């Protein structure tokens, strides 16, 4: 039985358009649910149009894009560019993480490019980044009951 408190916020989790892995998305979903979030897991290979449509309908507190296949940088740049084109989603908090490049961790320039394109945070697949991710989640404002 979980002891998590329902925070009332929804987090959308998705894989990049070219990433067919699911274990990372399940891990994120379980972590987020343990922390009290409602999670909409869109699964792997998510087209940009679906990500945008779900974000417009659900108005999540956070969008999390995860990659394992090493093409997260390219997928992520396309996704955030399309997302930020929509005025209604211009302020939606969005993060990306995982294996973003086939050669390992992103260099400082690529990380800066992702942030400049519209991500609020970029996480690589290092063990220390999970603590930073948890801190980010704790900093999200909680909804007050109506």
N, C-alpha and C. Protein backbone atom coordinates (compact mmCIF):
# COMPACT_ATOMS: atom_id res chain seq x y z
N UNK A 1 0.84 -1.18 0.00
CA UNK A 1 0.00 0.00 0.00
C UNK A 1 0.88 1.24 0.00
N UNK A 2 0.58 2.17 -0.87
CA UNK A 2 1.37 3.39 -1.00
C UNK A 2 1.00 4.38 0.09
N UNK A 3 1.99 5.10 0.55
CA UNK A 3 1.75 6.15 1.54
C UNK A 3 1.78 7.52 0.90
N UNK A 4 1.82 7.57 -0.41
CA UNK A 4 1.92 8.85 -1.11
C UNK A 4 0.63 9.65 -0.95
N UNK A 5 0.80 10.94 -0.84
CA UNK A 5 -0.33 11.86 -0.78
C UNK A 5 -0.65 12.27 -2.20
N UNK A 6 -1.92 12.31 -2.55
CA UNK A 6 -2.30 12.75 -3.88
C UNK A 6 -2.13 14.26 -3.96
N UNK A 7 -1.19 14.68 -4.76
CA UNK A 7 -0.89 16.11 -4.90
C UNK A 7 -1.91 16.80 -5.79
N UNK A 8 -2.62 16.05 -6.61
CA UNK A 8 -3.63 16.65 -7.47
C UNK A 8 -3.12 17.13 -8.81
N UNK A 9 -1.82 17.02 -9.06
CA UNK A 9 -1.28 17.45 -10.34
C UNK A 9 -1.09 16.27 -11.27
N UNK A 10 -1.22 16.56 -12.54
CA UNK A 10 -0.98 15.56 -13.57
C UNK A 10 0.37 15.81 -14.20
N UNK A 11 1.10 14.73 -14.42
CA UNK A 11 2.36 14.79 -15.16
C UNK A 11 2.20 13.89 -16.38
N UNK A 12 2.54 14.41 -17.54
CA UNK A 12 2.52 13.62 -18.77
C UNK A 12 3.94 13.12 -19.03
N UNK A 13 4.06 11.82 -19.25
CA UNK A 13 5.32 11.16 -19.54
C UNK A 13 5.25 10.60 -20.95
N UNK A 14 6.32 10.78 -21.73
CA UNK A 14 6.30 10.29 -23.11
C UNK A 14 7.70 9.94 -23.57
N UNK A 15 7.76 9.01 -24.50
CA UNK A 15 9.00 8.68 -25.19
C UNK A 15 9.07 9.48 -26.47
N UNK A 16 10.27 9.65 -26.99
CA UNK A 16 10.45 10.38 -28.24
C UNK A 16 9.87 9.62 -29.42
N UNK A 17 9.75 10.32 -30.53
CA UNK A 17 9.13 9.74 -31.72
C UNK A 17 9.86 8.51 -32.23
N UNK A 18 11.17 8.44 -32.01
CA UNK A 18 11.93 7.31 -32.54
C UNK A 18 12.30 6.28 -31.48
N UNK A 19 11.83 6.46 -30.25
CA UNK A 19 12.26 5.62 -29.14
C UNK A 19 11.15 4.63 -28.76
N UNK A 20 11.40 3.34 -28.98
CA UNK A 20 10.38 2.32 -28.71
C UNK A 20 10.51 1.68 -27.33
N UNK A 21 11.40 2.20 -26.49
CA UNK A 21 11.59 1.62 -25.16
C UNK A 21 10.47 2.04 -24.21
N UNK A 22 10.11 1.13 -23.31
CA UNK A 22 9.04 1.42 -22.36
C UNK A 22 9.48 1.34 -20.91
N UNK A 23 10.55 0.60 -20.60
CA UNK A 23 10.91 0.41 -19.19
C UNK A 23 11.21 1.74 -18.51
N UNK A 24 11.82 2.69 -19.22
CA UNK A 24 12.11 4.00 -18.65
C UNK A 24 10.84 4.77 -18.32
N UNK A 25 9.84 4.62 -19.18
CA UNK A 25 8.58 5.32 -18.97
C UNK A 25 7.82 4.72 -17.79
N UNK A 26 7.87 3.40 -17.65
CA UNK A 26 7.24 2.75 -16.51
C UNK A 26 7.94 3.16 -15.22
N UNK A 27 9.27 3.19 -15.22
CA UNK A 27 10.01 3.62 -14.04
C UNK A 27 9.59 5.04 -13.64
N UNK A 28 9.55 5.95 -14.61
CA UNK A 28 9.16 7.33 -14.32
C UNK A 28 7.73 7.39 -13.78
N UNK A 29 6.84 6.63 -14.39
CA UNK A 29 5.45 6.62 -13.92
C UNK A 29 5.38 6.16 -12.47
N UNK A 30 6.07 5.09 -12.13
CA UNK A 30 6.05 4.58 -10.75
C UNK A 30 6.65 5.60 -9.78
N UNK A 31 7.75 6.22 -10.16
CA UNK A 31 8.37 7.23 -9.31
C UNK A 31 7.42 8.39 -9.07
N UNK A 32 6.82 8.88 -10.13
CA UNK A 32 5.91 10.01 -10.03
C UNK A 32 4.67 9.67 -9.21
N UNK A 33 4.12 8.48 -9.42
CA UNK A 33 2.96 8.06 -8.64
C UNK A 33 3.32 7.92 -7.16
N UNK A 34 4.51 7.41 -6.88
CA UNK A 34 4.98 7.29 -5.51
C UNK A 34 5.07 8.66 -4.84
N UNK A 35 5.36 9.68 -5.62
CA UNK A 35 5.46 11.04 -5.09
C UNK A 35 4.12 11.76 -5.07
N UNK A 36 3.04 11.06 -5.45
CA UNK A 36 1.70 11.61 -5.34
C UNK A 36 1.12 12.26 -6.56
N UNK A 37 1.77 12.12 -7.70
CA UNK A 37 1.27 12.72 -8.93
C UNK A 37 0.35 11.76 -9.67
N UNK A 38 -0.61 12.32 -10.39
CA UNK A 38 -1.40 11.55 -11.35
C UNK A 38 -0.58 11.53 -12.64
N UNK A 39 -0.42 10.37 -13.23
CA UNK A 39 0.46 10.24 -14.39
C UNK A 39 -0.32 9.78 -15.61
N UNK A 40 -0.09 10.46 -16.70
CA UNK A 40 -0.58 10.03 -18.01
C UNK A 40 0.66 9.61 -18.78
N UNK A 41 0.81 8.31 -19.00
CA UNK A 41 1.96 7.76 -19.70
C UNK A 41 1.54 7.52 -21.14
N UNK A 42 2.04 8.35 -22.05
CA UNK A 42 1.68 8.24 -23.46
C UNK A 42 2.42 7.11 -24.17
N UNK A 43 3.43 6.55 -23.51
CA UNK A 43 4.15 5.42 -24.08
C UNK A 43 5.28 5.84 -25.00
N UNK A 44 5.80 4.86 -25.75
CA UNK A 44 6.92 5.11 -26.65
C UNK A 44 6.45 5.63 -28.01
N UNK A 45 7.41 6.13 -28.77
CA UNK A 45 7.17 6.56 -30.16
C UNK A 45 6.01 7.55 -30.27
N UNK A 46 6.00 8.55 -29.42
CA UNK A 46 4.89 9.50 -29.38
C UNK A 46 5.06 10.57 -30.45
N UNK A 47 4.11 10.67 -31.37
CA UNK A 47 4.17 11.73 -32.38
C UNK A 47 3.97 13.10 -31.73
N UNK A 48 4.59 14.13 -32.31
CA UNK A 48 4.47 15.47 -31.75
C UNK A 48 3.02 15.93 -31.65
N UNK A 49 2.19 15.59 -32.66
CA UNK A 49 0.78 16.01 -32.64
C UNK A 49 0.04 15.42 -31.45
N UNK A 50 0.32 14.17 -31.10
CA UNK A 50 -0.33 13.54 -29.94
C UNK A 50 0.13 14.21 -28.65
N UNK A 51 1.42 14.47 -28.53
CA UNK A 51 1.96 15.13 -27.34
C UNK A 51 1.31 16.51 -27.14
N UNK A 52 1.18 17.24 -28.20
CA UNK A 52 0.55 18.56 -28.14
C UNK A 52 -0.92 18.45 -27.77
N UNK A 53 -1.64 17.55 -28.42
CA UNK A 53 -3.07 17.38 -28.14
C UNK A 53 -3.31 16.99 -26.69
N UNK A 54 -2.55 16.04 -26.18
CA UNK A 54 -2.71 15.60 -24.79
C UNK A 54 -2.35 16.71 -23.82
N UNK A 55 -1.35 17.49 -24.14
CA UNK A 55 -0.95 18.60 -23.27
C UNK A 55 -2.04 19.68 -23.24
N UNK A 56 -2.67 19.91 -24.38
CA UNK A 56 -3.75 20.90 -24.43
C UNK A 56 -4.97 20.44 -23.64
N UNK A 57 -5.30 19.17 -23.74
CA UNK A 57 -6.47 18.63 -23.04
C UNK A 57 -6.23 18.50 -21.55
N UNK A 58 -5.09 17.97 -21.18
CA UNK A 58 -4.83 17.62 -19.77
C UNK A 58 -4.24 18.75 -18.94
N UNK A 59 -3.61 19.73 -19.58
CA UNK A 59 -2.97 20.85 -18.88
C UNK A 59 -2.13 20.36 -17.70
N UNK A 60 -1.12 19.55 -17.98
CA UNK A 60 -0.34 18.96 -16.89
C UNK A 60 0.51 20.00 -16.16
N UNK A 61 0.91 19.63 -14.94
CA UNK A 61 1.83 20.46 -14.17
C UNK A 61 3.24 20.34 -14.72
N UNK A 62 3.50 19.23 -15.45
CA UNK A 62 4.83 18.97 -15.97
C UNK A 62 4.74 17.98 -17.13
N UNK A 63 5.59 18.18 -18.12
CA UNK A 63 5.77 17.24 -19.22
C UNK A 63 7.17 16.66 -19.11
N UNK A 64 7.26 15.33 -19.13
CA UNK A 64 8.55 14.64 -19.03
C UNK A 64 8.76 13.82 -20.29
N UNK A 65 9.82 14.13 -21.02
CA UNK A 65 10.20 13.37 -22.21
C UNK A 65 11.43 12.55 -21.86
N UNK A 66 11.37 11.25 -22.11
CA UNK A 66 12.46 10.35 -21.74
C UNK A 66 12.94 9.57 -22.96
N UNK A 67 14.26 9.35 -23.00
CA UNK A 67 14.86 8.64 -24.12
C UNK A 67 15.85 7.60 -23.63
N UNK A 68 15.87 6.47 -24.32
CA UNK A 68 16.85 5.42 -24.04
C UNK A 68 17.67 5.10 -25.28
N UNK A 69 17.13 5.39 -26.45
CA UNK A 69 17.78 4.93 -27.68
C UNK A 69 18.95 5.79 -28.16
N UNK A 70 19.20 6.91 -27.48
CA UNK A 70 20.32 7.76 -27.87
C UNK A 70 19.98 8.82 -28.89
N UNK A 71 18.70 8.92 -29.26
CA UNK A 71 18.28 9.95 -30.21
C UNK A 71 17.38 10.98 -29.54
N UNK A 72 17.45 11.05 -28.22
CA UNK A 72 16.62 11.97 -27.46
C UNK A 72 16.86 13.43 -27.79
N UNK A 73 18.09 13.77 -28.11
CA UNK A 73 18.39 15.17 -28.44
C UNK A 73 17.61 15.59 -29.67
N UNK A 74 17.69 14.80 -30.73
CA UNK A 74 16.98 15.16 -31.97
C UNK A 74 15.47 15.13 -31.77
N UNK A 75 14.96 14.05 -31.17
CA UNK A 75 13.52 13.95 -30.92
C UNK A 75 13.06 15.10 -30.03
N UNK A 76 13.85 15.36 -28.99
CA UNK A 76 13.48 16.40 -28.03
C UNK A 76 13.45 17.79 -28.62
N UNK A 77 14.40 18.09 -29.49
CA UNK A 77 14.41 19.40 -30.14
C UNK A 77 13.16 19.59 -31.00
N UNK A 78 12.81 18.57 -31.76
CA UNK A 78 11.61 18.67 -32.59
C UNK A 78 10.36 18.84 -31.72
N UNK A 79 10.29 18.05 -30.65
CA UNK A 79 9.08 18.07 -29.81
C UNK A 79 8.91 19.41 -29.10
N UNK A 80 9.96 19.92 -28.51
CA UNK A 80 9.82 21.17 -27.75
C UNK A 80 9.59 22.34 -28.69
N UNK A 81 10.17 22.31 -29.87
CA UNK A 81 9.94 23.38 -30.85
C UNK A 81 8.47 23.43 -31.23
N UNK A 82 7.90 22.27 -31.53
CA UNK A 82 6.47 22.21 -31.89
C UNK A 82 5.58 22.60 -30.71
N UNK A 83 5.94 22.15 -29.53
CA UNK A 83 5.14 22.44 -28.33
C UNK A 83 5.13 23.94 -28.05
N UNK A 84 6.28 24.57 -28.11
CA UNK A 84 6.39 25.99 -27.79
C UNK A 84 5.78 26.90 -28.86
N UNK A 85 5.48 26.36 -30.04
CA UNK A 85 4.79 27.13 -31.07
C UNK A 85 3.36 27.45 -30.66
N UNK A 86 2.81 26.66 -29.76
CA UNK A 86 1.45 26.85 -29.28
C UNK A 86 1.46 27.82 -28.09
N UNK A 87 0.79 28.95 -28.23
CA UNK A 87 0.77 29.95 -27.16
C UNK A 87 0.24 29.36 -25.86
N UNK A 88 -0.74 28.45 -25.95
CA UNK A 88 -1.34 27.86 -24.76
C UNK A 88 -0.36 26.99 -23.99
N UNK A 89 0.71 26.54 -24.65
CA UNK A 89 1.68 25.65 -24.03
C UNK A 89 3.04 26.30 -23.83
N UNK A 90 3.12 27.59 -24.08
CA UNK A 90 4.42 28.26 -24.02
C UNK A 90 5.02 28.26 -22.61
N UNK A 91 4.19 28.18 -21.59
CA UNK A 91 4.70 28.21 -20.21
C UNK A 91 4.63 26.84 -19.53
N UNK A 92 4.22 25.81 -20.25
CA UNK A 92 4.13 24.48 -19.65
C UNK A 92 5.51 24.00 -19.24
N UNK A 93 5.73 23.70 -17.96
CA UNK A 93 7.04 23.17 -17.57
C UNK A 93 7.32 21.85 -18.29
N UNK A 94 8.49 21.75 -18.89
CA UNK A 94 8.86 20.55 -19.65
C UNK A 94 10.32 20.21 -19.38
N UNK A 95 10.57 18.92 -19.18
CA UNK A 95 11.94 18.44 -18.95
C UNK A 95 12.21 17.28 -19.88
N UNK A 96 13.47 17.04 -20.13
CA UNK A 96 13.89 15.92 -20.97
C UNK A 96 15.06 15.22 -20.28
N UNK A 97 15.11 13.91 -20.44
CA UNK A 97 16.22 13.19 -19.82
C UNK A 97 16.40 11.80 -20.37
N UNK A 98 17.49 11.19 -19.94
CA UNK A 98 17.82 9.84 -20.36
C UNK A 98 19.08 9.85 -21.20
N UNK A 99 19.15 8.90 -22.10
CA UNK A 99 20.29 8.82 -23.02
C UNK A 99 19.94 9.68 -24.22
N UNK A 100 20.45 10.90 -24.20
CA UNK A 100 20.06 11.87 -25.21
C UNK A 100 20.94 11.84 -26.45
N UNK A 101 22.08 11.18 -26.38
CA UNK A 101 22.97 11.07 -27.52
C UNK A 101 23.59 9.69 -27.58
N UNK A 102 23.97 9.26 -28.75
CA UNK A 102 24.54 7.92 -28.90
C UNK A 102 25.96 7.83 -28.36
N UNK A 103 26.60 8.98 -28.15
CA UNK A 103 27.97 8.96 -27.64
C UNK A 103 28.04 9.19 -26.13
N UNK A 104 26.91 9.11 -25.45
CA UNK A 104 26.93 9.29 -24.00
C UNK A 104 26.29 10.60 -23.59
N UNK A 105 26.77 11.16 -22.49
CA UNK A 105 26.20 12.38 -21.93
C UNK A 105 26.30 13.55 -22.91
N UNK A 106 25.32 14.42 -22.83
CA UNK A 106 25.32 15.61 -23.68
C UNK A 106 26.44 16.55 -23.26
N UNK A 107 27.01 17.22 -24.24
CA UNK A 107 28.00 18.23 -23.89
C UNK A 107 27.26 19.51 -23.50
N UNK A 108 28.00 20.48 -23.00
CA UNK A 108 27.40 21.71 -22.49
C UNK A 108 26.63 22.46 -23.57
N UNK A 109 27.12 22.45 -24.80
CA UNK A 109 26.45 23.17 -25.89
C UNK A 109 25.10 22.54 -26.22
N UNK A 110 25.06 21.21 -26.28
CA UNK A 110 23.79 20.54 -26.58
C UNK A 110 22.78 20.74 -25.46
N UNK A 111 23.24 20.67 -24.21
CA UNK A 111 22.36 20.93 -23.06
C UNK A 111 21.81 22.36 -23.15
N UNK A 112 22.68 23.31 -23.47
CA UNK A 112 22.26 24.71 -23.59
C UNK A 112 21.24 24.87 -24.72
N UNK A 113 21.45 24.16 -25.83
CA UNK A 113 20.50 24.22 -26.95
C UNK A 113 19.13 23.74 -26.53
N UNK A 114 19.07 22.64 -25.78
CA UNK A 114 17.78 22.11 -25.32
C UNK A 114 17.09 23.10 -24.38
N UNK A 115 17.86 23.72 -23.49
CA UNK A 115 17.28 24.70 -22.58
C UNK A 115 16.80 25.94 -23.34
N UNK A 116 17.60 26.39 -24.29
CA UNK A 116 17.22 27.56 -25.08
C UNK A 116 15.98 27.27 -25.93
N UNK A 117 15.83 26.04 -26.39
CA UNK A 117 14.67 25.66 -27.20
C UNK A 117 13.39 25.64 -26.38
N UNK A 118 13.51 25.52 -25.05
CA UNK A 118 12.29 25.59 -24.24
C UNK A 118 12.16 24.61 -23.11
N UNK A 119 13.14 23.71 -22.92
CA UNK A 119 13.07 22.81 -21.76
C UNK A 119 13.46 23.57 -20.51
N UNK A 120 12.82 23.22 -19.40
CA UNK A 120 13.13 23.84 -18.12
C UNK A 120 14.30 23.14 -17.43
N UNK A 121 14.54 21.89 -17.79
CA UNK A 121 15.67 21.14 -17.23
C UNK A 121 16.02 20.02 -18.19
N UNK A 122 17.30 19.66 -18.18
CA UNK A 122 17.82 18.56 -19.00
C UNK A 122 18.58 17.62 -18.07
N UNK A 123 18.19 16.35 -18.10
CA UNK A 123 18.82 15.35 -17.25
C UNK A 123 19.49 14.30 -18.12
N UNK A 124 20.71 13.90 -17.74
CA UNK A 124 21.32 12.78 -18.46
C UNK A 124 20.98 11.51 -17.68
N UNK A 125 21.62 10.44 -18.02
CA UNK A 125 21.26 9.17 -17.37
C UNK A 125 22.18 8.84 -16.19
N UNK A 126 22.74 9.87 -15.57
CA UNK A 126 23.59 9.63 -14.41
C UNK A 126 22.75 9.42 -13.15
N UNK A 127 23.29 8.71 -12.19
CA UNK A 127 22.58 8.39 -10.97
C UNK A 127 22.23 9.64 -10.17
N UNK A 128 23.08 10.64 -10.19
CA UNK A 128 22.84 11.86 -9.43
C UNK A 128 21.67 12.69 -9.92
N UNK A 129 21.34 12.56 -11.20
CA UNK A 129 20.26 13.37 -11.75
C UNK A 129 18.89 12.98 -11.21
N UNK A 130 18.72 11.77 -10.70
CA UNK A 130 17.42 11.38 -10.16
C UNK A 130 17.10 12.22 -8.92
N UNK A 131 18.11 12.54 -8.12
CA UNK A 131 17.89 13.41 -6.95
C UNK A 131 17.50 14.82 -7.39
N UNK A 132 18.15 15.32 -8.42
CA UNK A 132 17.82 16.64 -8.95
C UNK A 132 16.40 16.64 -9.52
N UNK A 133 16.02 15.56 -10.18
CA UNK A 133 14.67 15.43 -10.72
C UNK A 133 13.64 15.44 -9.59
N UNK A 134 13.91 14.71 -8.52
CA UNK A 134 13.00 14.70 -7.36
C UNK A 134 12.87 16.10 -6.76
N UNK A 135 13.96 16.83 -6.68
CA UNK A 135 13.90 18.19 -6.15
C UNK A 135 13.03 19.08 -7.03
N UNK A 136 13.15 18.91 -8.34
CA UNK A 136 12.31 19.67 -9.25
C UNK A 136 10.84 19.35 -9.01
N UNK A 137 10.53 18.07 -8.85
CA UNK A 137 9.15 17.66 -8.59
C UNK A 137 8.63 18.25 -7.29
N UNK A 138 9.46 18.26 -6.27
CA UNK A 138 9.05 18.83 -4.98
C UNK A 138 8.80 20.33 -5.08
N UNK A 139 9.43 20.99 -6.05
CA UNK A 139 9.28 22.43 -6.18
C UNK A 139 8.02 22.83 -6.95
N UNK A 140 7.36 21.86 -7.59
CA UNK A 140 6.14 22.19 -8.34
C UNK A 140 5.05 22.62 -7.35
N UNK A 141 4.32 23.66 -7.67
CA UNK A 141 3.25 24.09 -6.76
C UNK A 141 2.16 23.01 -6.67
N UNK A 142 1.63 22.84 -5.48
CA UNK A 142 0.56 21.88 -5.29
C UNK A 142 -0.77 22.58 -5.50
N UNK A 143 -1.70 21.85 -6.12
CA UNK A 143 -3.04 22.39 -6.31
C UNK A 143 -3.78 22.36 -4.98
N UNK A 144 -4.57 23.36 -4.77
CA UNK A 144 -5.38 23.38 -3.57
C UNK A 144 -6.75 22.81 -3.89
N UNK A 145 -7.32 22.03 -2.97
CA UNK A 145 -8.64 21.46 -3.22
C UNK A 145 -9.68 22.55 -3.44
N UNK A 146 -10.60 22.28 -4.34
CA UNK A 146 -11.66 23.27 -4.65
C UNK A 146 -12.71 23.30 -3.58
